[in-house]
Every structure is written in structure tokens, then in C-alpha cells.
């Protein structure tokens, strides 16, 4: 097993690209050719709350990934919410209505009695919070995702890639997290969505317990990248040297920093979350995370959809999470530049 120790996901992406460039083995998969590392890979994050990738070449879909994380924490599996941000997400649904392997739904709803599970386990998250609050040395706080009945012999388009998540508290009381993954694409999975979604889950559990966030281990059994996407990106990343891994990191100098996920008690935060998922910016929230981070990001995304890029940037000026703010501003400016160029070039005729 290869173990990669990094400070945050921004650094992990370049290290992972280098690893597959030099050690990746060509293989075929159900979705095309891949470069795969010949053994499992574990990525260890010492600062998992530093969850934003800033490489412009990667052009991470910041609005979508952020909102998908909230969708997960709300325990949802509906297609409709996510297609507001990325329309093609509907292609991964079997029926166009729900996602089979939606992580948040697995965390909070799938294993209850309606899903064929146990009537006394309606939501795994508060159970884990309660256990780790009462028993700081608990070793049974494992969050189930993979369901052999639903997944093992299924023909679904959306089988869960992440299988289980183990939580524990270290000797100082911090909350550590280990995520077990069966198949991990490094661009869209490991160093894309997973680092955001899972670290926000870790911070949510830690907030419920009332303890700091510790380390995050991502164990990727099949660590790969799709060559069709990787090869063009690799040409862009070859301009970077190893020393750029640290110097390009805005977290290093304090230019950006995370904003706390939870400033109220957990139930109040959940109430705000469920309200935000339905009402968006048209409500009043108790937790500052929603007023100072989630609402400005959502308003900016709506402005981008209307091609009102200057308005989007103004909304982002009010985002107190300076890491999300910077990544979103850069994402918007790239699209604004492209849009203005297309307008200047004018229509083309045969």
C-alpha cells in the first residue's frame, strides 16, 4: 500500500497526478481506459478542513461540490436538487428521480425500517455522535454506506464507491476519520468531491460532539484516473515543479482559511440545513454558516446561471469563508472571460 501524507487536498491533487504519471498501470474499465496504481493508496490529511482545490487547470466545480455536500448532510437522494447545479447529474440516476447510492441518504435514511433495516436506527449520524460523546474510546462508531442486499449484485448506474466510514477520537480528543473506498477516481472522486463531502461530514460529527477535527484517512482500494480526461490535464500540470505544491497553496500563507461549519448546537444547525435546502436565501438562519457562506454562494451561482457575472462577484464579496470565496471568484471570472470573448467575437456564419 502506498501512503501519501499531505496537509490538504490542494496539495494532494498534484502529488496524486505525479504518482499516476510515473507509477500508473494502463487498464480497461467499464467506463473506458484508466491509469491505475498497482496497490491500494491511502491519503492522510493533517488539515482536512482545508478542503478547497485552487489549481486553475483543474477548474473544480466549486458551487456544485459545496451544495452537494449540504445535500448529503440533509440525507437526500433526489435528482432535482443536484441538477440545478449540474444538469448531467441526471444521467447517473436509474430512473431520473432518485440516486441509488446517494451517500447522505445512506447515512441518514437507508438503513431504517423502511429500508429493511432496524427500527431503532433511523439516522446513523446522531447515534455516532452520541456514542463518541459518551464513550470517547469507542471503536464501534462505523457509518455504513454499502448495502450488500441493494448493491452487491445490482445493475445500477450508481453503486456507492465509498463503503464505510470509521470515526474515533485520538488521545487529545480530536475526531479522526477513516473512509474506505472500493474504486476512487482521483480527479472527480478522491481529490474532487470526496475530500469536500467527507471532511464536511467529519466537521459535522465533531461539531455534534463538541470536539476539534483530527486527521482524515482516505483508503482507496482501486486508485485510478480516466486517461481521456487525465492526458489533456497532465500536459497542463507538467509546468509545475515539486516546490509549487507548497508555494501554490493559499492556505499556507493564511491568504484563505476555512469558516466554521457549525456555530450553533447540532439540532439547530440541522433545522437550518433542512430549511436552506427548501428555501435557499429566502429565509432567516440561526447559524452564521448559512447566512455568511451558504447563502452568498447560492446567490452567486444563481447570478452565474443568468450570466450576471458582476452580480455573482458582488455576492461572493459577502462570503466569509475566504477559501470558498476565492475559488468561486476565480471560477466565475474564468467563465466571465470566456463569455465576454464570445460576445466580442460575434456570431459565426457558414
Protein backbone atom coordinates (compact mmCIF):
# COMPACT_ATOMS: atom_id res chain seq x y z
CA UNK A 1 0.00 0.00 0.00
CA UNK A 2 1.19 3.48 -0.87
CA UNK A 3 0.64 6.10 1.83
CA UNK A 4 0.52 9.77 0.88
CA UNK A 5 0.77 12.24 3.77
CA UNK A 6 -0.38 15.73 2.84
CA UNK A 7 -1.63 18.85 4.54
CA UNK A 8 -4.72 19.30 2.38
CA UNK A 9 -6.47 18.30 -0.84
CA UNK A 10 -4.97 21.12 -2.92
CA UNK A 11 -1.55 19.57 -2.38
CA UNK A 12 -2.82 16.01 -2.70
CA UNK A 13 -4.07 16.56 -6.25
CA UNK A 14 -0.65 17.40 -7.71
CA UNK A 15 1.03 14.59 -5.74
CA UNK A 16 -1.60 12.14 -7.00
CA UNK A 17 -1.15 13.26 -10.60
CA UNK A 18 2.60 12.74 -10.30
CA UNK A 19 2.05 9.31 -8.74
CA UNK A 20 -0.15 8.00 -11.55
CA UNK A 21 2.01 9.62 -14.22
CA UNK A 22 5.06 7.69 -13.01
CA UNK A 23 3.59 4.52 -11.48
CA UNK A 24 0.16 4.12 -13.09
CA UNK A 25 -0.63 0.92 -14.98
CA UNK A 26 -2.90 1.04 -18.05
CA UNK A 27 -6.12 -0.93 -17.62
CA UNK A 28 -9.61 -1.12 -19.05
CA UNK A 29 -12.74 -0.37 -17.07
CA UNK A 30 -16.49 -0.32 -17.65
CA UNK A 31 -16.23 3.40 -18.43
CA UNK A 32 -13.06 3.50 -20.52
CA UNK A 33 -9.30 3.14 -20.17
CA UNK A 34 -7.68 4.12 -16.89
CA UNK A 35 -4.29 4.53 -15.27
CA UNK A 36 -4.38 2.59 -12.00
CA UNK A 37 -1.90 2.44 -9.16
CA UNK A 38 -0.92 -1.23 -8.66
CA UNK A 39 -1.88 -1.32 -4.98
CA UNK A 40 -4.31 0.47 -2.64
CA UNK A 41 -3.44 4.08 -1.83
CA UNK A 42 -4.11 5.84 1.46
CA UNK A 43 -4.21 9.64 1.54
CA UNK A 44 -3.70 11.12 5.00
CA UNK A 45 -4.88 14.71 5.50
CA UNK A 46 -3.47 16.53 8.52
CA UNK A 47 -5.72 19.57 7.83
CA UNK A 48 -8.92 18.13 6.35
CA UNK A 49 -10.88 21.37 6.81
CA UNK A 50 -8.62 22.88 4.14
CA UNK A 51 -10.88 21.22 1.58
CA UNK A 52 -10.80 23.51 -1.46
CA UNK A 53 -8.69 22.90 -4.61
CA UNK A 54 -7.36 26.07 -6.26
CA UNK A 55 -5.47 24.76 -9.31
CA UNK A 56 -6.98 26.74 -12.24
CA UNK A 57 -6.15 23.88 -14.60
CA UNK A 58 -8.47 21.60 -12.66
CA UNK A 59 -11.29 24.17 -12.70
CA UNK A 60 -13.14 22.42 -9.86
CA UNK A 61 -16.95 22.92 -9.92
CA UNK A 62 -16.95 24.71 -6.58
CA UNK A 63 -20.65 25.58 -6.37
CA UNK A 64 -21.78 22.07 -7.20
CA UNK A 65 -19.41 20.31 -4.82
CA UNK A 66 -20.30 22.62 -1.94
CA UNK A 67 -24.06 22.29 -2.44
CA UNK A 68 -23.81 18.53 -2.94
CA UNK A 69 -22.14 18.27 0.47
CA UNK A 70 -25.11 20.02 2.09
CA UNK A 71 -27.49 17.80 0.10
CA UNK A 72 -25.70 14.80 1.58
CA UNK A 73 -25.78 16.10 5.15
CA UNK A 74 -29.52 16.62 4.69
CA UNK A 75 -29.87 12.90 3.93
CA UNK A 76 -31.34 13.38 0.48
CA UNK A 77 -31.29 11.25 -2.65
CA UNK A 78 -33.36 13.33 -5.10
CA UNK A 79 -32.06 14.18 -8.55
CA UNK A 80 -33.88 17.51 -8.79
CA UNK A 81 -31.71 19.45 -6.34
CA UNK A 82 -28.38 18.49 -7.87
CA UNK A 83 -29.46 19.15 -11.45
CA UNK A 84 -29.90 22.81 -10.51
CA UNK A 85 -26.11 22.92 -10.44
CA UNK A 86 -25.06 20.24 -12.95
CA UNK A 87 -27.79 19.10 -15.36
CA UNK A 88 -25.96 15.98 -16.50
CA UNK A 89 -26.11 14.52 -12.98
CA UNK A 90 -29.47 13.04 -14.04
CA UNK A 91 -27.55 10.66 -16.30
CA UNK A 92 -26.30 8.81 -13.21
CA UNK A 93 -29.79 8.07 -11.94
CA UNK A 94 -31.57 4.85 -12.87
CA UNK A 95 -35.00 6.48 -13.06
CA UNK A 96 -34.29 10.22 -13.24
CA UNK A 97 -35.89 10.75 -9.84
CA UNK A 98 -33.51 9.41 -7.17
CA UNK A 99 -29.90 8.25 -6.91
CA UNK A 100 -29.44 4.63 -5.88
CA UNK A 101 -26.20 5.14 -3.96
CA UNK A 102 -26.68 8.65 -2.54
CA UNK A 103 -24.29 8.84 0.42
CA UNK A 104 -26.32 11.18 2.59
CA UNK A 105 -29.43 9.06 2.19
CA UNK A 106 -27.38 6.00 3.17
CA UNK A 107 -26.09 7.88 6.24
CA UNK A 108 -29.43 9.11 7.48
CA UNK A 109 -32.31 7.12 5.97
CA UNK A 110 -31.48 3.98 4.01
CA UNK A 111 -30.93 1.62 6.94
CA UNK A 112 -34.08 2.48 8.86
CA UNK A 113 -37.08 0.19 8.99
CA UNK A 114 -38.47 1.48 5.69
CA UNK A 115 -35.24 0.44 4.02
CA UNK A 116 -35.40 -3.02 5.56
CA UNK A 117 -33.14 -2.12 8.46
CA UNK A 118 -33.57 -1.83 12.21
CA UNK A 119 -36.43 0.24 13.66
CA UNK A 120 -34.18 1.71 16.34
CA UNK A 121 -31.61 3.11 13.91
CA UNK A 122 -33.46 5.78 11.89
CA UNK A 123 -30.41 8.02 11.43
CA UNK A 124 -26.80 6.87 11.89
CA UNK A 125 -25.27 10.33 12.42
CA UNK A 126 -26.79 11.24 15.82
CA UNK A 127 -26.14 7.68 17.03
CA UNK A 128 -22.43 8.03 16.24
CA UNK A 129 -22.33 11.49 17.84
CA UNK A 130 -23.96 10.14 21.00
CA UNK A 131 -21.60 7.16 21.21
CA UNK A 132 -18.44 9.21 20.79
CA UNK A 133 -19.70 11.77 23.29
CA UNK A 134 -20.45 9.17 25.96
CA UNK A 135 -17.59 6.81 25.11
CA UNK A 136 -14.56 8.75 23.79
CA UNK A 137 -12.63 5.49 23.25
CA UNK A 138 -15.45 3.84 21.29
CA UNK A 139 -14.38 1.59 18.40
CA UNK A 140 -17.83 0.76 17.04
CA UNK A 141 -18.71 4.14 15.52
CA UNK A 142 -18.76 2.93 11.93
CA UNK A 143 -21.02 4.66 9.43
CA UNK A 144 -22.44 2.12 6.95
CA UNK A 145 -22.84 3.01 3.27
CA UNK A 146 -22.52 -0.22 1.28
CA UNK A 147 -25.56 -2.48 1.44
CA UNK A 148 -24.91 -5.99 0.07
CA UNK A 149 -28.61 -6.59 -0.49
CA UNK A 150 -29.04 -3.45 -2.58
CA UNK A 151 -25.56 -3.18 -4.13
CA UNK A 152 -23.63 -6.43 -4.47
CA UNK A 153 -25.45 -7.85 -7.48
CA UNK A 154 -27.12 -4.69 -8.74
CA UNK A 155 -27.05 -3.31 -12.28
CA UNK A 156 -27.49 0.25 -11.08
CA UNK A 157 -25.70 3.16 -12.73
CA UNK A 158 -24.88 4.49 -9.26
CA UNK A 159 -23.26 1.91 -6.96
CA UNK A 160 -21.61 3.52 -3.91
CA UNK A 161 -17.85 3.95 -4.30
CA UNK A 162 -17.31 4.78 -0.63
CA UNK A 163 -18.20 1.80 1.55
CA UNK A 164 -17.87 2.60 5.25
CA UNK A 165 -16.51 5.37 7.45
CA UNK A 166 -14.90 4.72 10.84
CA UNK A 167 -14.78 7.50 13.42
CA UNK A 168 -12.60 7.60 16.54
CA UNK A 169 -11.15 10.14 18.92
CA UNK A 170 -7.40 10.44 19.38
CA UNK A 171 -5.55 10.84 22.67
CA UNK A 172 -6.19 14.59 22.64
CA UNK A 173 -9.93 14.21 21.99
CA UNK A 174 -9.85 15.18 18.33
CA UNK A 175 -12.13 13.36 15.90
CA UNK A 176 -10.28 11.19 13.38
CA UNK A 177 -11.98 9.65 10.36
CA UNK A 178 -11.10 6.76 8.03
CA UNK A 179 -13.04 6.40 4.78
CA UNK A 180 -12.89 3.06 2.92
CA UNK A 181 -13.35 3.32 -0.82
CA UNK A 182 -13.63 0.46 -3.33
CA UNK A 183 -12.94 2.49 -6.51
CA UNK A 184 -11.55 6.02 -6.49
CA UNK A 185 -11.03 8.31 -9.47
CA UNK A 186 -8.60 10.96 -8.25
CA UNK A 187 -9.96 13.90 -10.26
CA UNK A 188 -13.70 13.64 -9.67
CA UNK A 189 -13.65 11.43 -6.57
CA UNK A 190 -10.69 11.37 -4.19
CA UNK A 191 -9.36 14.90 -4.76
CA UNK A 192 -12.60 16.34 -6.08
CA UNK A 193 -15.90 15.61 -4.39
CA UNK A 194 -14.77 13.14 -1.71
CA UNK A 195 -12.36 15.48 0.07
CA UNK A 196 -15.10 18.09 0.41
CA UNK A 197 -18.04 15.85 1.25
CA UNK A 198 -16.24 13.64 3.74
CA UNK A 199 -14.37 16.43 5.52
CA UNK A 200 -17.63 18.36 5.94
CA UNK A 201 -19.19 15.20 7.38
CA UNK A 202 -16.21 14.89 9.75
CA UNK A 203 -16.62 18.51 10.85
CA UNK A 204 -20.37 17.95 11.32
CA UNK A 205 -19.79 14.94 13.58
CA UNK A 206 -17.07 16.80 15.51
CA UNK A 207 -19.41 19.77 15.94
CA UNK A 208 -22.10 17.50 17.30
CA UNK A 209 -19.67 16.02 19.81
CA UNK A 210 -18.11 19.37 20.65
CA UNK A 211 -14.53 18.40 19.81
CA UNK A 212 -11.92 19.54 17.28
CA UNK A 213 -11.37 17.85 13.91
CA UNK A 214 -8.37 15.50 13.75
CA UNK A 215 -6.94 13.61 10.76
CA UNK A 216 -8.72 12.14 7.76
CA UNK A 217 -7.57 8.90 6.11
CA UNK A 218 -8.93 8.06 2.63
CA UNK A 219 -8.22 4.40 1.84
CA UNK A 220 -8.65 3.88 -1.91
CA UNK A 221 -8.62 0.21 -2.90
CA UNK A 222 -8.64 0.97 -6.63
CA UNK A 223 -6.86 4.30 -7.17
CA UNK A 224 -7.13 5.45 -10.76
CA UNK A 225 -7.85 8.18 -13.30
CA UNK A 226 -9.57 8.04 -16.69
CA UNK A 227 -6.96 8.61 -19.40
CA UNK A 228 -9.36 10.51 -21.66
CA UNK A 229 -9.60 13.23 -19.01
CA UNK A 230 -6.15 12.79 -17.48
CA UNK A 231 -3.93 13.14 -20.54
CA UNK A 232 -5.01 16.70 -21.51
CA UNK A 233 -4.84 17.76 -17.86
CA UNK A 234 -1.40 16.21 -17.43
CA UNK A 235 0.02 18.43 -20.16
CA UNK A 236 -1.14 21.48 -18.21
CA UNK A 237 0.19 20.27 -14.87
CA UNK A 238 3.64 19.41 -16.25
CA UNK A 239 4.55 23.08 -15.99
CA UNK A 240 4.55 22.80 -12.19
CA UNK A 241 7.58 21.74 -10.19
CA UNK A 242 7.52 19.88 -6.88
CA UNK A 243 8.19 23.11 -4.98
CA UNK A 244 4.96 24.51 -6.43
CA UNK A 245 2.97 22.11 -4.27
CA UNK A 246 3.53 24.30 -1.24
CA UNK A 247 4.02 27.72 -2.81
CA UNK A 248 0.73 27.50 -4.73
CA UNK A 249 -1.25 26.69 -1.58
CA UNK A 250 -3.22 29.78 -0.44
CA UNK A 251 -3.83 28.13 2.93
CA UNK A 252 -0.09 28.16 3.67
CA UNK A 253 0.26 31.94 3.95
CA UNK A 254 -3.10 32.50 5.57
CA UNK A 255 -4.45 34.19 2.44
CA UNK A 256 -7.52 32.00 2.81
CA UNK A 257 -8.93 29.97 5.66
CA UNK A 258 -11.96 27.76 6.34
CA UNK A 259 -15.05 29.11 8.03
CA UNK A 260 -16.55 27.05 10.89
CA UNK A 261 -19.32 24.75 9.72
CA UNK A 262 -21.27 24.87 12.97
CA UNK A 263 -21.66 27.71 15.50
CA UNK A 264 -24.97 26.57 17.00
CA UNK A 265 -25.89 23.24 18.58
CA UNK A 266 -26.39 20.40 16.13
CA UNK A 267 -30.20 20.21 16.12
CA UNK A 268 -30.48 23.91 15.42
CA UNK A 269 -27.93 23.53 12.61
CA UNK A 270 -29.94 20.65 11.15
CA UNK A 271 -33.09 22.78 11.28
CA UNK A 272 -31.27 25.49 9.35
CA UNK A 273 -29.93 22.95 6.87
CA UNK A 274 -33.34 21.47 6.06
CA UNK A 275 -34.77 24.98 5.73
CA UNK A 276 -31.91 26.05 3.43
CA UNK A 277 -32.45 23.07 1.16
CA UNK A 278 -36.05 24.15 0.60
CA UNK A 279 -35.94 27.95 0.85
CA UNK A 280 -32.37 28.86 -0.07
CA UNK A 281 -31.61 32.52 0.62
CA UNK A 282 -35.28 33.36 1.25
CA UNK A 283 -35.20 32.67 4.97
CA UNK A 284 -33.57 33.68 8.24
CA UNK A 285 -30.99 31.34 9.79
CA UNK A 286 -29.62 30.99 13.28
CA UNK A 287 -26.26 29.54 12.27
CA UNK A 288 -23.83 32.01 10.70
CA UNK A 289 -22.58 29.35 8.28
CA UNK A 290 -25.78 29.63 6.28
CA UNK A 291 -26.01 33.44 6.25
CA UNK A 292 -22.30 34.08 5.72
CA UNK A 293 -21.26 31.16 3.50
CA UNK A 294 -24.07 29.08 2.00
CA UNK A 295 -26.38 31.95 1.01
CA UNK A 296 -23.72 34.08 -0.76
CA UNK A 297 -22.54 31.02 -2.68
CA UNK A 298 -26.06 30.09 -3.71
CA UNK A 299 -26.89 33.66 -4.75
CA UNK A 300 -23.68 33.84 -6.78
CA UNK A 301 -24.49 30.60 -8.56
CA UNK A 302 -27.96 31.87 -9.49
CA UNK A 303 -26.37 35.02 -10.91
CA UNK A 304 -23.93 32.94 -12.97
CA UNK A 305 -26.84 30.95 -14.42
CA UNK A 306 -28.31 34.27 -15.56
CA UNK A 307 -24.89 35.28 -16.95
CA UNK A 308 -24.80 38.20 -14.49
CA UNK A 309 -21.15 37.69 -13.64
CA UNK A 310 -20.55 41.05 -11.98
CA UNK A 311 -23.52 40.42 -9.68
CA UNK A 312 -22.14 36.99 -8.86
CA UNK A 313 -18.81 38.51 -7.84
CA UNK A 314 -20.61 41.04 -5.64
CA UNK A 315 -22.48 38.27 -3.87
CA UNK A 316 -19.19 36.48 -3.30
CA UNK A 317 -17.76 39.58 -1.62
CA UNK A 318 -20.13 38.72 1.25
CA UNK A 319 -18.87 35.13 1.64
CA UNK A 320 -16.94 34.83 4.91
CA UNK A 321 -15.32 31.51 4.01
CA UNK A 322 -12.35 33.01 2.21
CA UNK A 323 -11.29 29.66 0.72
CA UNK A 324 -14.65 29.06 -0.96
CA UNK A 325 -14.83 32.75 -1.81
CA UNK A 326 -11.52 32.77 -3.66
CA UNK A 327 -12.14 29.51 -5.54
CA UNK A 328 -15.63 30.63 -6.55
CA UNK A 329 -14.44 34.08 -7.65
CA UNK A 330 -11.77 32.53 -9.85
CA UNK A 331 -14.30 30.05 -11.28
CA UNK A 332 -16.73 32.88 -12.10
CA UNK A 333 -14.03 35.07 -13.65
CA UNK A 334 -12.92 32.25 -15.96
CA UNK A 335 -16.48 31.95 -17.25
CA UNK A 336 -16.92 35.69 -17.48
CA UNK A 337 -13.78 35.99 -19.58
CA UNK A 338 -14.97 33.24 -21.91
CA UNK A 339 -18.43 34.79 -22.21
CA UNK A 340 -17.09 38.27 -22.99
CA UNK A 341 -14.76 36.84 -25.62
CA UNK A 342 -17.65 35.05 -27.30
CA UNK A 343 -19.65 38.28 -27.26
CA UNK A 344 -16.76 40.24 -28.78
CA UNK A 345 -16.17 37.63 -31.49
CA UNK A 346 -19.82 37.80 -32.51
CA UNK A 347 -21.78 35.09 -34.31
CA UNK A 348 -20.16 32.95 -36.97
CA UNK A 349 -21.87 32.10 -40.25
CA UNK A 350 -21.19 29.31 -42.73
